[in-house]
Amino acid sequence: MYRFLAASVAVVGLLLAPLASSRAAEQATEEAPPKKTRTPDVVYVPTPHDVVEKMLDLVKVKKGDVVYDLGCGDGRIVVAAAKRGAKATGFDIDPQRIKEARENVKKNKVEKLARIRQEDIFTLDLSGANVITLYLLPRLNVKLIPQLEKLKPGSRIVSHDFDMEGVTPDKVVRLESKENGVGHTIYLWTTPLKKEKKRAADE
């Protein structure tokens, strides 16, 4: 009987070891010293919280979704998505933003669903997500198109204030933030992206 119990414990230990190792590796990656990176592409301007909620409403974020926030800043979109039950990851190139975002994740106790990674967003494989959130410049949205085209059909992309030249949005919503009294525009696209037809040179 004791031998059987001992054997059972050993088997359970072997089964749990890879999982523990994976979690440890993930934690080590998040707690690693800041990487040396290039200058950020944009100056960080936080999205008002009510605009964040409208963005997530527009893409219908729910439990089971995988959300990637590209240029996550202080992590507020990641936190809001995680609170809705989505598995959310924020990416930023700025070490200071990464620090702030990780503190925000811990403060809101959403560590089980939220991750923050210091990465160059233009080198990422986005195919693991089905929701992408953006607050970049128009030229940077356009630069992301080749990566966005690799998303699974039906994936949703939402952008605060800036469109994506050459791609027709499924929906455009305008609102005034109660937080700062400023008007904001939100763009929604779904994949496959709807490319605009180029006009002939003589038109």
N, C-alpha and C. Protein backbone atom coordinates (compact mmCIF):
# COMPACT_ATOMS: atom_id res chain seq x y z
N MET A 1 0.83 -1.20 0.00
CA MET A 1 0.00 0.00 0.00
C MET A 1 0.87 1.26 0.00
N TYR A 2 1.89 1.27 0.88
CA TYR A 2 2.76 2.44 0.96
C TYR A 2 3.55 2.64 -0.33
N ARG A 3 3.96 1.50 -0.92
CA ARG A 3 4.70 1.59 -2.18
C ARG A 3 3.80 2.20 -3.27
N PHE A 4 2.53 1.80 -3.28
CA PHE A 4 1.59 2.31 -4.27
C PHE A 4 1.41 3.83 -4.12
N LEU A 5 1.28 4.27 -2.84
CA LEU A 5 1.12 5.69 -2.59
C LEU A 5 2.36 6.48 -3.01
N ALA A 6 3.50 5.91 -2.69
CA ALA A 6 4.76 6.57 -3.05
C ALA A 6 4.89 6.68 -4.55
N ALA A 7 4.52 5.61 -5.25
CA ALA A 7 4.59 5.62 -6.71
C ALA A 7 3.63 6.65 -7.29
N SER A 8 2.44 6.74 -6.69
CA SER A 8 1.44 7.69 -7.17
C SER A 8 1.93 9.12 -7.00
N VAL A 9 2.53 9.41 -5.85
CA VAL A 9 3.07 10.73 -5.60
C VAL A 9 4.16 11.07 -6.61
N ALA A 10 4.99 10.10 -6.91
CA ALA A 10 6.08 10.31 -7.87
C ALA A 10 5.54 10.63 -9.25
N VAL A 11 4.48 9.90 -9.66
CA VAL A 11 3.88 10.13 -10.97
C VAL A 11 3.27 11.53 -11.04
N VAL A 12 2.53 11.93 -9.99
CA VAL A 12 1.93 13.27 -9.95
C VAL A 12 3.01 14.34 -10.02
N GLY A 13 4.11 14.09 -9.32
CA GLY A 13 5.21 15.04 -9.34
C GLY A 13 5.79 15.21 -10.73
N LEU A 14 5.91 14.09 -11.46
CA LEU A 14 6.43 14.15 -12.83
C LEU A 14 5.48 14.91 -13.75
N LEU A 15 4.18 14.73 -13.52
CA LEU A 15 3.19 15.41 -14.36
C LEU A 15 3.16 16.90 -14.10
N LEU A 16 3.35 17.30 -12.84
CA LEU A 16 3.28 18.72 -12.48
C LEU A 16 4.58 19.45 -12.76
N ALA A 17 5.69 18.73 -12.86
CA ALA A 17 6.99 19.37 -13.05
C ALA A 17 7.06 20.25 -14.29
N PRO A 18 6.60 19.79 -15.48
CA PRO A 18 6.65 20.66 -16.66
C PRO A 18 5.83 21.92 -16.48
N LEU A 19 4.66 21.80 -15.82
CA LEU A 19 3.80 22.96 -15.61
C LEU A 19 4.49 23.97 -14.70
N ALA A 20 5.07 23.48 -13.64
CA ALA A 20 5.78 24.37 -12.71
C ALA A 20 6.96 25.04 -13.41
N SER A 21 7.65 24.25 -14.22
CA SER A 21 8.80 24.78 -14.96
C SER A 21 8.37 25.88 -15.92
N SER A 22 7.23 25.65 -16.60
CA SER A 22 6.70 26.64 -17.54
C SER A 22 6.34 27.93 -16.83
N ARG A 23 5.67 27.81 -15.68
CA ARG A 23 5.28 29.00 -14.92
C ARG A 23 6.50 29.74 -14.41
N ALA A 24 7.49 29.00 -13.97
CA ALA A 24 8.72 29.62 -13.45
C ALA A 24 9.43 30.37 -14.57
N ALA A 25 9.47 29.77 -15.76
CA ALA A 25 10.13 30.41 -16.89
C ALA A 25 9.40 31.69 -17.28
N GLU A 26 8.07 31.64 -17.26
CA GLU A 26 7.26 32.80 -17.60
C GLU A 26 7.49 33.92 -16.60
N GLN A 27 7.52 33.56 -15.31
CA GLN A 27 7.76 34.56 -14.26
C GLN A 27 9.15 35.15 -14.39
N ALA A 28 10.13 34.31 -14.70
CA ALA A 28 11.50 34.79 -14.85
C ALA A 28 11.60 35.78 -16.00
N THR A 29 10.86 35.50 -17.10
CA THR A 29 10.86 36.38 -18.25
C THR A 29 10.30 37.74 -17.88
N GLU A 30 9.22 37.75 -17.11
CA GLU A 30 8.58 39.00 -16.72
C GLU A 30 9.43 39.80 -15.75
N GLU A 31 10.19 39.10 -14.89
CA GLU A 31 10.96 39.78 -13.87
C GLU A 31 12.40 40.06 -14.30
N ALA A 32 12.73 39.71 -15.54
CA ALA A 32 14.08 39.92 -16.05
C ALA A 32 14.39 41.41 -16.12
N PRO A 33 15.68 41.78 -16.03
CA PRO A 33 16.06 43.19 -16.12
C PRO A 33 15.61 43.78 -17.45
N PRO A 34 15.32 45.09 -17.50
CA PRO A 34 14.88 45.73 -18.74
C PRO A 34 15.86 45.51 -19.88
N LYS A 35 15.33 45.27 -21.07
CA LYS A 35 16.18 45.08 -22.24
C LYS A 35 16.64 46.43 -22.77
N LYS A 36 17.76 46.40 -23.46
CA LYS A 36 18.20 47.61 -24.15
C LYS A 36 17.43 47.65 -25.48
N THR A 37 16.66 48.70 -25.68
CA THR A 37 15.83 48.79 -26.87
C THR A 37 15.98 50.14 -27.53
N ARG A 38 15.40 50.27 -28.72
CA ARG A 38 15.43 51.53 -29.44
C ARG A 38 14.43 52.52 -28.83
N THR A 39 14.47 53.73 -29.33
CA THR A 39 13.56 54.78 -28.85
C THR A 39 12.13 54.43 -29.22
N PRO A 40 11.17 54.63 -28.32
CA PRO A 40 9.76 54.35 -28.64
C PRO A 40 9.29 55.13 -29.86
N ASP A 41 8.34 54.56 -30.60
CA ASP A 41 7.84 55.19 -31.83
C ASP A 41 6.89 56.35 -31.55
N VAL A 42 6.26 56.33 -30.39
CA VAL A 42 5.29 57.39 -30.06
C VAL A 42 5.51 57.87 -28.63
N VAL A 43 5.04 59.08 -28.37
CA VAL A 43 5.04 59.61 -27.01
C VAL A 43 3.82 59.02 -26.30
N TYR A 44 3.99 58.53 -25.10
CA TYR A 44 2.89 57.89 -24.40
C TYR A 44 1.84 58.89 -23.95
N VAL A 45 0.62 58.65 -24.39
CA VAL A 45 -0.55 59.41 -23.95
C VAL A 45 -1.59 58.39 -23.53
N PRO A 46 -1.98 58.36 -22.25
CA PRO A 46 -2.94 57.35 -21.78
C PRO A 46 -4.34 57.53 -22.37
N THR A 47 -4.98 56.43 -22.71
CA THR A 47 -6.37 56.44 -23.17
C THR A 47 -7.28 56.60 -21.95
N PRO A 48 -8.22 57.54 -21.98
CA PRO A 48 -9.15 57.68 -20.85
C PRO A 48 -9.85 56.36 -20.55
N HIS A 49 -10.14 56.11 -19.29
CA HIS A 49 -10.71 54.83 -18.89
C HIS A 49 -12.06 54.55 -19.55
N ASP A 50 -12.88 55.59 -19.73
CA ASP A 50 -14.18 55.33 -20.36
C ASP A 50 -14.03 55.01 -21.85
N VAL A 51 -12.97 55.53 -22.47
CA VAL A 51 -12.69 55.19 -23.87
C VAL A 51 -12.18 53.74 -23.95
N VAL A 52 -11.37 53.35 -22.98
CA VAL A 52 -10.90 51.95 -22.91
C VAL A 52 -12.10 51.00 -22.87
N GLU A 53 -13.06 51.30 -22.01
CA GLU A 53 -14.22 50.43 -21.88
C GLU A 53 -15.03 50.39 -23.17
N LYS A 54 -15.15 51.54 -23.85
CA LYS A 54 -15.87 51.58 -25.12
C LYS A 54 -15.15 50.76 -26.18
N MET A 55 -13.83 50.82 -26.20
CA MET A 55 -13.04 50.02 -27.14
C MET A 55 -13.31 48.53 -26.93
N LEU A 56 -13.30 48.11 -25.66
CA LEU A 56 -13.51 46.70 -25.36
C LEU A 56 -14.95 46.28 -25.62
N ASP A 57 -15.89 47.22 -25.42
CA ASP A 57 -17.29 46.94 -25.78
C ASP A 57 -17.42 46.72 -27.27
N LEU A 58 -16.74 47.55 -28.05
CA LEU A 58 -16.86 47.50 -29.51
C LEU A 58 -16.34 46.19 -30.08
N VAL A 59 -15.26 45.66 -29.49
CA VAL A 59 -14.73 44.38 -29.97
C VAL A 59 -15.30 43.19 -29.18
N LYS A 60 -16.25 43.51 -28.28
CA LYS A 60 -16.98 42.48 -27.53
C LYS A 60 -16.04 41.52 -26.80
N VAL A 61 -15.09 42.09 -26.04
CA VAL A 61 -14.15 41.27 -25.28
C VAL A 61 -14.89 40.50 -24.19
N LYS A 62 -14.59 39.22 -24.12
CA LYS A 62 -15.28 38.34 -23.15
C LYS A 62 -14.32 37.27 -22.67
N LYS A 63 -14.80 36.48 -21.73
CA LYS A 63 -14.01 35.37 -21.20
C LYS A 63 -13.62 34.42 -22.32
N GLY A 64 -12.34 34.03 -22.34
CA GLY A 64 -11.86 33.12 -23.36
C GLY A 64 -11.16 33.82 -24.51
N ASP A 65 -11.36 35.14 -24.67
CA ASP A 65 -10.65 35.88 -25.72
C ASP A 65 -9.17 36.01 -25.35
N VAL A 66 -8.34 36.15 -26.38
CA VAL A 66 -6.91 36.40 -26.18
C VAL A 66 -6.62 37.78 -26.75
N VAL A 67 -6.32 38.71 -25.86
CA VAL A 67 -6.15 40.11 -26.24
C VAL A 67 -4.67 40.50 -26.21
N TYR A 68 -4.20 41.11 -27.30
CA TYR A 68 -2.85 41.69 -27.34
C TYR A 68 -3.00 43.20 -27.45
N ASP A 69 -2.42 43.93 -26.49
CA ASP A 69 -2.42 45.38 -26.55
C ASP A 69 -1.03 45.83 -27.00
N LEU A 70 -0.95 46.42 -28.19
CA LEU A 70 0.33 46.78 -28.77
C LEU A 70 0.68 48.22 -28.43
N GLY A 71 1.68 48.38 -27.57
CA GLY A 71 2.01 49.68 -27.02
C GLY A 71 1.14 49.92 -25.81
N CYS A 72 1.33 49.09 -24.78
CA CYS A 72 0.37 49.00 -23.67
C CYS A 72 0.46 50.13 -22.65
N GLY A 73 1.51 50.95 -22.71
CA GLY A 73 1.60 52.05 -21.75
C GLY A 73 1.56 51.56 -20.32
N ASP A 74 0.65 52.11 -19.52
CA ASP A 74 0.58 51.73 -18.11
C ASP A 74 -0.26 50.46 -17.89
N GLY A 75 -0.68 49.81 -18.97
CA GLY A 75 -1.36 48.52 -18.85
C GLY A 75 -2.85 48.60 -18.58
N ARG A 76 -3.45 49.77 -18.71
CA ARG A 76 -4.86 49.92 -18.35
C ARG A 76 -5.80 49.10 -19.24
N ILE A 77 -5.47 48.96 -20.53
CA ILE A 77 -6.31 48.14 -21.41
C ILE A 77 -6.17 46.67 -21.05
N VAL A 78 -4.96 46.24 -20.77
CA VAL A 78 -4.70 44.86 -20.37
C VAL A 78 -5.49 44.52 -19.10
N VAL A 79 -5.43 45.40 -18.12
CA VAL A 79 -6.15 45.19 -16.86
C VAL A 79 -7.65 45.12 -17.10
N ALA A 80 -8.18 46.05 -17.89
CA ALA A 80 -9.62 46.09 -18.16
C ALA A 80 -10.08 44.83 -18.89
N ALA A 81 -9.27 44.35 -19.84
CA ALA A 81 -9.62 43.13 -20.58
C ALA A 81 -9.58 41.91 -19.66
N ALA A 82 -8.58 41.85 -18.79
CA ALA A 82 -8.47 40.73 -17.85
C ALA A 82 -9.65 40.70 -16.88
N LYS A 83 -10.13 41.87 -16.49
CA LYS A 83 -11.28 41.94 -15.59
C LYS A 83 -12.54 41.41 -16.25
N ARG A 84 -12.54 41.36 -17.58
CA ARG A 84 -13.67 40.79 -18.32
C ARG A 84 -13.50 39.30 -18.56
N GLY A 85 -12.40 38.75 -18.06
CA GLY A 85 -12.18 37.31 -18.20
C GLY A 85 -11.31 36.91 -19.37
N ALA A 86 -10.80 37.89 -20.12
CA ALA A 86 -9.93 37.58 -21.26
C ALA A 86 -8.50 37.35 -20.78
N LYS A 87 -7.76 36.59 -21.55
CA LYS A 87 -6.33 36.43 -21.31
C LYS A 87 -5.63 37.55 -22.08
N ALA A 88 -5.06 38.50 -21.36
CA ALA A 88 -4.55 39.72 -21.99
C ALA A 88 -3.05 39.88 -21.80
N THR A 89 -2.38 40.28 -22.88
CA THR A 89 -0.95 40.53 -22.84
C THR A 89 -0.67 41.91 -23.41
N GLY A 90 0.10 42.70 -22.67
CA GLY A 90 0.49 44.02 -23.14
C GLY A 90 1.94 44.02 -23.56
N PHE A 91 2.23 44.69 -24.66
CA PHE A 91 3.59 44.77 -25.18
C PHE A 91 4.00 46.24 -25.28
N ASP A 92 5.20 46.53 -24.82
CA ASP A 92 5.72 47.89 -24.94
C ASP A 92 7.24 47.82 -25.02
N ILE A 93 7.82 48.84 -25.62
CA ILE A 93 9.27 48.85 -25.79
C ILE A 93 9.96 49.70 -24.72
N ASP A 94 9.16 50.51 -24.01
CA ASP A 94 9.70 51.44 -23.02
C ASP A 94 9.78 50.78 -21.64
N PRO A 95 10.98 50.64 -21.07
CA PRO A 95 11.13 50.01 -19.74
C PRO A 95 10.29 50.67 -18.65
N GLN A 96 10.14 51.99 -18.70
CA GLN A 96 9.36 52.68 -17.68
C GLN A 96 7.88 52.30 -17.78
N ARG A 97 7.38 52.20 -19.00
CA ARG A 97 5.98 51.78 -19.19
C ARG A 97 5.78 50.34 -18.72
N ILE A 98 6.75 49.50 -18.99
CA ILE A 98 6.68 48.10 -18.56
C ILE A 98 6.57 48.02 -17.04
N LYS A 99 7.39 48.80 -16.37
CA LYS A 99 7.37 48.84 -14.89
C LYS A 99 5.99 49.29 -14.39
N GLU A 100 5.47 50.35 -14.97
CA GLU A 100 4.17 50.88 -14.56
C GLU A 100 3.05 49.87 -14.82
N ALA A 101 3.11 49.23 -15.98
CA ALA A 101 2.07 48.28 -16.36
C ALA A 101 2.06 47.07 -15.44
N ARG A 102 3.23 46.56 -15.10
CA ARG A 102 3.30 45.40 -14.20
C ARG A 102 2.79 45.76 -12.80
N GLU A 103 3.10 46.96 -12.36
CA GLU A 103 2.58 47.41 -11.06
C GLU A 103 1.06 47.52 -11.10
N ASN A 104 0.53 47.99 -12.23
CA ASN A 104 -0.91 48.12 -12.40
C ASN A 104 -1.62 46.77 -12.39
N VAL A 105 -0.98 45.78 -13.03
CA VAL A 105 -1.53 44.42 -13.05
C VAL A 105 -1.61 43.87 -11.63
N LYS A 106 -0.52 44.04 -10.86
CA LYS A 106 -0.50 43.55 -9.48
C LYS A 106 -1.50 44.30 -8.60
N LYS A 107 -1.56 45.61 -8.77
CA LYS A 107 -2.49 46.44 -7.98
C LYS A 107 -3.93 45.98 -8.17
N ASN A 108 -4.27 45.59 -9.40
CA ASN A 108 -5.64 45.17 -9.71
C ASN A 108 -5.85 43.66 -9.55
N LYS A 109 -4.79 42.95 -9.12
CA LYS A 109 -4.89 41.52 -8.82
C LYS A 109 -5.43 40.69 -9.98
N VAL A 110 -4.87 40.97 -11.18
CA VAL A 110 -5.29 40.20 -12.36
C VAL A 110 -4.10 39.42 -12.96
N GLU A 111 -3.14 39.07 -12.10
CA GLU A 111 -1.93 38.39 -12.57
C GLU A 111 -2.21 37.06 -13.27
N LYS A 112 -3.31 36.40 -12.90
CA LYS A 112 -3.61 35.10 -13.51
C LYS A 112 -3.99 35.22 -14.98
N LEU A 113 -4.49 36.38 -15.37
CA LEU A 113 -4.95 36.55 -16.75
C LEU A 113 -4.15 37.59 -17.53
N ALA A 114 -3.36 38.41 -16.84
CA ALA A 114 -2.67 39.52 -17.50
C ALA A 114 -1.16 39.34 -17.48
N ARG A 115 -0.52 39.64 -18.61
CA ARG A 115 0.93 39.58 -18.73
C ARG A 115 1.43 40.85 -19.41
N ILE A 116 2.61 41.29 -19.04
CA ILE A 116 3.24 42.46 -19.64
C ILE A 116 4.62 42.04 -20.14
N ARG A 117 4.90 42.33 -21.41
CA ARG A 117 6.18 41.93 -21.99
C ARG A 117 6.86 43.10 -22.70
N GLN A 118 8.15 43.21 -22.49
CA GLN A 118 8.92 44.25 -23.17
C GLN A 118 9.38 43.70 -24.52
N GLU A 119 8.73 44.15 -25.57
CA GLU A 119 9.01 43.66 -26.92
C GLU A 119 8.81 44.78 -27.93
N ASP A 120 9.47 44.63 -29.08
CA ASP A 120 9.22 45.50 -30.22
C ASP A 120 7.99 44.95 -30.94
N ILE A 121 6.91 45.71 -30.98
CA ILE A 121 5.65 45.19 -31.52
C ILE A 121 5.74 44.83 -32.99
N PHE A 122 6.71 45.39 -33.71
CA PHE A 122 6.82 45.12 -35.14
C PHE A 122 7.56 43.82 -35.44
N THR A 123 7.97 43.13 -34.40
CA THR A 123 8.62 41.83 -34.58
C THR A 123 7.76 40.69 -34.03
N LEU A 124 6.56 41.01 -33.56
CA LEU A 124 5.73 40.02 -32.88
C LEU A 124 4.95 39.13 -33.85
N ASP A 125 4.74 37.89 -33.43
CA ASP A 125 3.79 37.00 -34.09
C ASP A 125 2.45 37.23 -33.38
N LEU A 126 1.49 37.79 -34.09
CA LEU A 126 0.20 38.15 -33.49
C LEU A 126 -0.85 37.05 -33.64
N SER A 127 -0.49 35.95 -34.31
CA SER A 127 -1.48 34.93 -34.67
C SER A 127 -2.13 34.24 -33.47
N GLY A 128 -1.53 34.37 -32.28
CA GLY A 128 -2.11 33.73 -31.10
C GLY A 128 -3.27 34.51 -30.50
N ALA A 129 -3.48 35.75 -30.96
CA ALA A 129 -4.56 36.59 -30.42
C ALA A 129 -5.78 36.55 -31.32
N ASN A 130 -6.94 36.88 -30.73
CA ASN A 130 -8.13 37.10 -31.56
C ASN A 130 -8.70 38.49 -31.36
N VAL A 131 -8.03 39.29 -30.50
CA VAL A 131 -8.37 40.69 -30.33
C VAL A 131 -7.07 41.49 -30.22
N ILE A 132 -6.96 42.56 -31.02
CA ILE A 132 -5.79 43.44 -30.98
C ILE A 132 -6.27 44.85 -30.65
N THR A 133 -5.61 45.51 -29.69
CA THR A 133 -5.96 46.89 -29.36
C THR A 133 -4.77 47.80 -29.67
N LEU A 134 -5.07 48.99 -30.21
CA LEU A 134 -4.03 49.90 -30.68
C LEU A 134 -4.30 51.33 -30.23
N TYR A 135 -3.24 52.06 -29.94
CA TYR A 135 -3.29 53.51 -29.84
C TYR A 135 -1.95 54.01 -30.33
N LEU A 136 -1.78 53.91 -31.64
CA LEU A 136 -0.54 54.28 -32.29
C LEU A 136 -0.82 55.40 -33.29
N LEU A 137 0.14 55.69 -34.15
CA LEU A 137 -0.08 56.67 -35.21
C LEU A 137 -0.54 55.96 -36.48
N PRO A 138 -1.20 56.66 -37.41
CA PRO A 138 -1.69 56.02 -38.63
C PRO A 138 -0.60 55.26 -39.40
N ARG A 139 0.59 55.85 -39.52
CA ARG A 139 1.65 55.17 -40.27
C ARG A 139 2.11 53.89 -39.58
N LEU A 140 2.00 53.85 -38.25
CA LEU A 140 2.39 52.64 -37.52
C LEU A 140 1.32 51.57 -37.65
N ASN A 141 0.04 51.99 -37.69
CA ASN A 141 -1.03 51.02 -37.95
C ASN A 141 -0.82 50.36 -39.31
N VAL A 142 -0.47 51.17 -40.30
CA VAL A 142 -0.22 50.64 -41.65
C VAL A 142 0.97 49.68 -41.64
N LYS A 143 1.99 50.02 -40.87
CA LYS A 143 3.19 49.17 -40.79
C LYS A 143 2.85 47.80 -40.20
N LEU A 144 1.80 47.74 -39.39
CA LEU A 144 1.40 46.47 -38.75
C LEU A 144 0.56 45.57 -39.66
N ILE A 145 0.09 46.09 -40.79
CA ILE A 145 -0.84 45.33 -41.64
C ILE A 145 -0.35 43.92 -41.97
N PRO A 146 0.91 43.73 -42.39
CA PRO A 146 1.36 42.36 -42.70
C PRO A 146 1.21 41.40 -41.52
N GLN A 147 1.42 41.89 -40.30
CA GLN A 147 1.25 41.05 -39.11
C GLN A 147 -0.23 40.81 -38.81
N LEU A 148 -1.04 41.83 -38.99
CA LEU A 148 -2.47 41.72 -38.71
C LEU A 148 -3.16 40.77 -39.70
N GLU A 149 -2.63 40.69 -40.90
CA GLU A 149 -3.23 39.81 -41.91
C GLU A 149 -3.04 38.33 -41.58
N LYS A 150 -2.17 38.04 -40.63
CA LYS A 150 -1.94 36.64 -40.24
C LYS A 150 -2.86 36.20 -39.11
N LEU A 151 -3.71 37.11 -38.61
CA LEU A 151 -4.67 36.75 -37.58
C LEU A 151 -5.72 35.80 -38.15
N LYS A 152 -6.29 34.98 -37.27
CA LYS A 152 -7.34 34.06 -37.70
C LYS A 152 -8.56 34.84 -38.20
N PRO A 153 -9.31 34.29 -39.17
CA PRO A 153 -10.53 34.95 -39.64
C PRO A 153 -11.48 35.22 -38.48
N GLY A 154 -12.08 36.40 -38.49
CA GLY A 154 -13.00 36.76 -37.42
C GLY A 154 -12.35 37.46 -36.25
N SER A 155 -11.03 37.62 -36.28
CA SER A 155 -10.35 38.34 -35.21
C SER A 155 -10.72 39.82 -35.29
N ARG A 156 -10.70 40.49 -34.14
CA ARG A 156 -11.11 41.90 -34.09
C ARG A 156 -9.93 42.80 -33.75
N ILE A 157 -9.91 43.96 -34.40
CA ILE A 157 -8.86 44.94 -34.18
C ILE A 157 -9.52 46.27 -33.87
N VAL A 158 -9.11 46.92 -32.80
CA VAL A 158 -9.71 48.20 -32.43
C VAL A 158 -8.60 49.22 -32.20
N SER A 159 -8.82 50.43 -32.71
CA SER A 159 -7.81 51.48 -32.60
C SER A 159 -8.44 52.75 -32.04
N HIS A 160 -7.75 53.36 -31.10
CA HIS A 160 -8.17 54.63 -30.52
C HIS A 160 -7.62 55.78 -31.36
N ASP A 161 -8.51 56.58 -31.91
CA ASP A 161 -8.22 57.84 -32.61
C ASP A 161 -7.59 57.73 -34.01
N PHE A 162 -6.92 56.65 -34.33
CA PHE A 162 -6.21 56.60 -35.61
C PHE A 162 -6.68 55.45 -36.49
N ASP A 163 -6.87 55.77 -37.79
CA ASP A 163 -7.34 54.76 -38.73
C ASP A 163 -6.17 53.98 -39.32
N MET A 164 -6.46 53.20 -40.36
CA MET A 164 -5.45 52.38 -41.02
C MET A 164 -5.62 52.59 -42.53
N GLU A 165 -4.79 53.45 -43.07
CA GLU A 165 -4.93 53.82 -44.48
C GLU A 165 -4.91 52.59 -45.39
N GLY A 166 -5.87 52.54 -46.29
CA GLY A 166 -5.93 51.43 -47.24
C GLY A 166 -6.80 50.28 -46.78
N VAL A 167 -7.30 50.36 -45.54
CA VAL A 167 -8.15 49.29 -45.00
C VAL A 167 -9.46 49.91 -44.50
N THR A 168 -10.58 49.39 -44.98
CA THR A 168 -11.89 49.92 -44.61
C THR A 168 -12.33 49.39 -43.25
N PRO A 169 -12.66 50.27 -42.31
CA PRO A 169 -13.13 49.80 -41.00
C PRO A 169 -14.55 49.25 -41.09
N ASP A 170 -14.88 48.31 -40.21
CA ASP A 170 -16.24 47.77 -40.14
C ASP A 170 -17.15 48.75 -39.42
N LYS A 171 -16.56 49.52 -38.51
CA LYS A 171 -17.37 50.45 -37.74
C LYS A 171 -16.49 51.58 -37.22
N VAL A 172 -17.05 52.79 -37.15
CA VAL A 172 -16.36 53.95 -36.58
C VAL A 172 -17.30 54.57 -35.55
N VAL A 173 -16.82 54.73 -34.33
CA VAL A 173 -17.63 55.28 -33.24
C VAL A 173 -16.96 56.53 -32.69
N ARG A 174 -17.75 57.56 -32.49
CA ARG A 174 -17.23 58.80 -31.91
C ARG A 174 -17.92 59.06 -30.57
N LEU A 175 -17.12 59.49 -29.60
CA LEU A 175 -17.69 59.78 -28.28
C LEU A 175 -16.89 60.87 -27.60
N GLU A 176 -17.51 61.48 -26.61
CA GLU A 176 -16.81 62.47 -25.79
C GLU A 176 -16.52 61.83 -24.44
N SER A 177 -15.27 61.84 -24.06
CA SER A 177 -14.87 61.24 -22.79
C SER A 177 -15.36 62.08 -21.61
N LYS A 178 -15.99 61.44 -20.66
CA LYS A 178 -16.40 62.13 -19.44
C LYS A 178 -15.20 62.41 -18.55
N GLU A 179 -14.11 61.71 -18.84
CA GLU A 179 -12.90 61.86 -18.03
C GLU A 179 -12.15 63.14 -18.34
N ASN A 180 -12.09 63.50 -19.64
CA ASN A 180 -11.34 64.71 -20.01
C ASN A 180 -12.12 65.68 -20.89
N GLY A 181 -13.38 65.34 -21.21
CA GLY A 181 -14.21 66.23 -22.01
C GLY A 181 -13.78 66.39 -23.45
N VAL A 182 -12.93 65.50 -23.92
CA VAL A 182 -12.40 65.57 -25.28
C VAL A 182 -13.09 64.53 -26.15
N GLY A 183 -13.29 64.87 -27.45
CA GLY A 183 -13.88 63.93 -28.39
C GLY A 183 -12.87 62.88 -28.82
N HIS A 184 -13.32 61.64 -28.98
CA HIS A 184 -12.45 60.53 -29.39
C HIS A 184 -13.13 59.72 -30.48
N THR A 185 -12.33 59.10 -31.32
CA THR A 185 -12.85 58.24 -32.38
C THR A 185 -12.27 56.84 -32.20
N ILE A 186 -13.11 55.83 -32.37
CA ILE A 186 -12.67 54.44 -32.23
C ILE A 186 -12.97 53.70 -33.54
N TYR A 187 -11.98 52.99 -34.04
CA TYR A 187 -12.12 52.25 -35.30
C TYR A 187 -12.10 50.75 -35.02
N LEU A 188 -12.99 50.04 -35.70
CA LEU A 188 -13.06 48.58 -35.58
C LEU A 188 -12.86 47.93 -36.94
N TRP A 189 -11.98 46.93 -36.98
CA TRP A 189 -11.79 46.10 -38.16
C TRP A 189 -11.93 44.63 -37.75
N THR A 190 -12.33 43.80 -38.69
CA THR A 190 -12.30 42.35 -38.46
C THR A 190 -11.52 41.71 -39.60
N THR A 191 -10.96 40.56 -39.33
CA THR A 191 -10.19 39.86 -40.35
C THR A 191 -11.06 38.83 -41.06
N PRO A 192 -10.77 38.59 -42.35
CA PRO A 192 -9.72 39.21 -43.17
C PRO A 192 -9.98 40.69 -43.41
N LEU A 193 -8.90 41.47 -43.41
CA LEU A 193 -9.01 42.91 -43.59
C LEU A 193 -9.61 43.25 -44.95
N LYS A 194 -10.42 44.29 -44.99
CA LYS A 194 -11.08 44.72 -46.23
C LYS A 194 -10.24 45.82 -46.87
N LYS A 195 -9.41 45.44 -47.81
CA LYS A 195 -8.53 46.40 -48.47
C LYS A 195 -9.32 47.30 -49.42
N GLU A 196 -9.01 48.59 -49.40
CA GLU A 196 -9.63 49.53 -50.32
C GLU A 196 -9.02 49.37 -51.70
N LYS A 197 -9.85 49.46 -52.71
CA LYS A 197 -9.35 49.34 -54.08
C LYS A 197 -8.61 50.62 -54.47
N LYS A 198 -7.44 50.44 -55.06
CA LYS A 198 -6.65 51.60 -55.48
C LYS A 198 -7.24 52.17 -56.77
N ARG A 199 -7.31 53.49 -56.82
CA ARG A 199 -7.82 54.14 -58.02
C ARG A 199 -6.80 54.12 -59.12
N ALA A 200 -7.29 54.02 -60.34
CA ALA A 200 -6.38 54.06 -61.49
C ALA A 200 -5.71 55.42 -61.56
N ALA A 201 -4.49 55.46 -62.09
CA ALA A 201 -3.71 56.69 -62.13
C ALA A 201 -4.38 57.80 -62.91
N ASP A 202 -5.21 57.44 -63.91
CA ASP A 202 -5.83 58.46 -64.75
C ASP A 202 -7.18 58.92 -64.22
N GLU A 203 -7.63 58.41 -63.07
CA GLU A 203 -8.92 58.81 -62.50
C GLU A 203 -8.76 60.08 -61.67
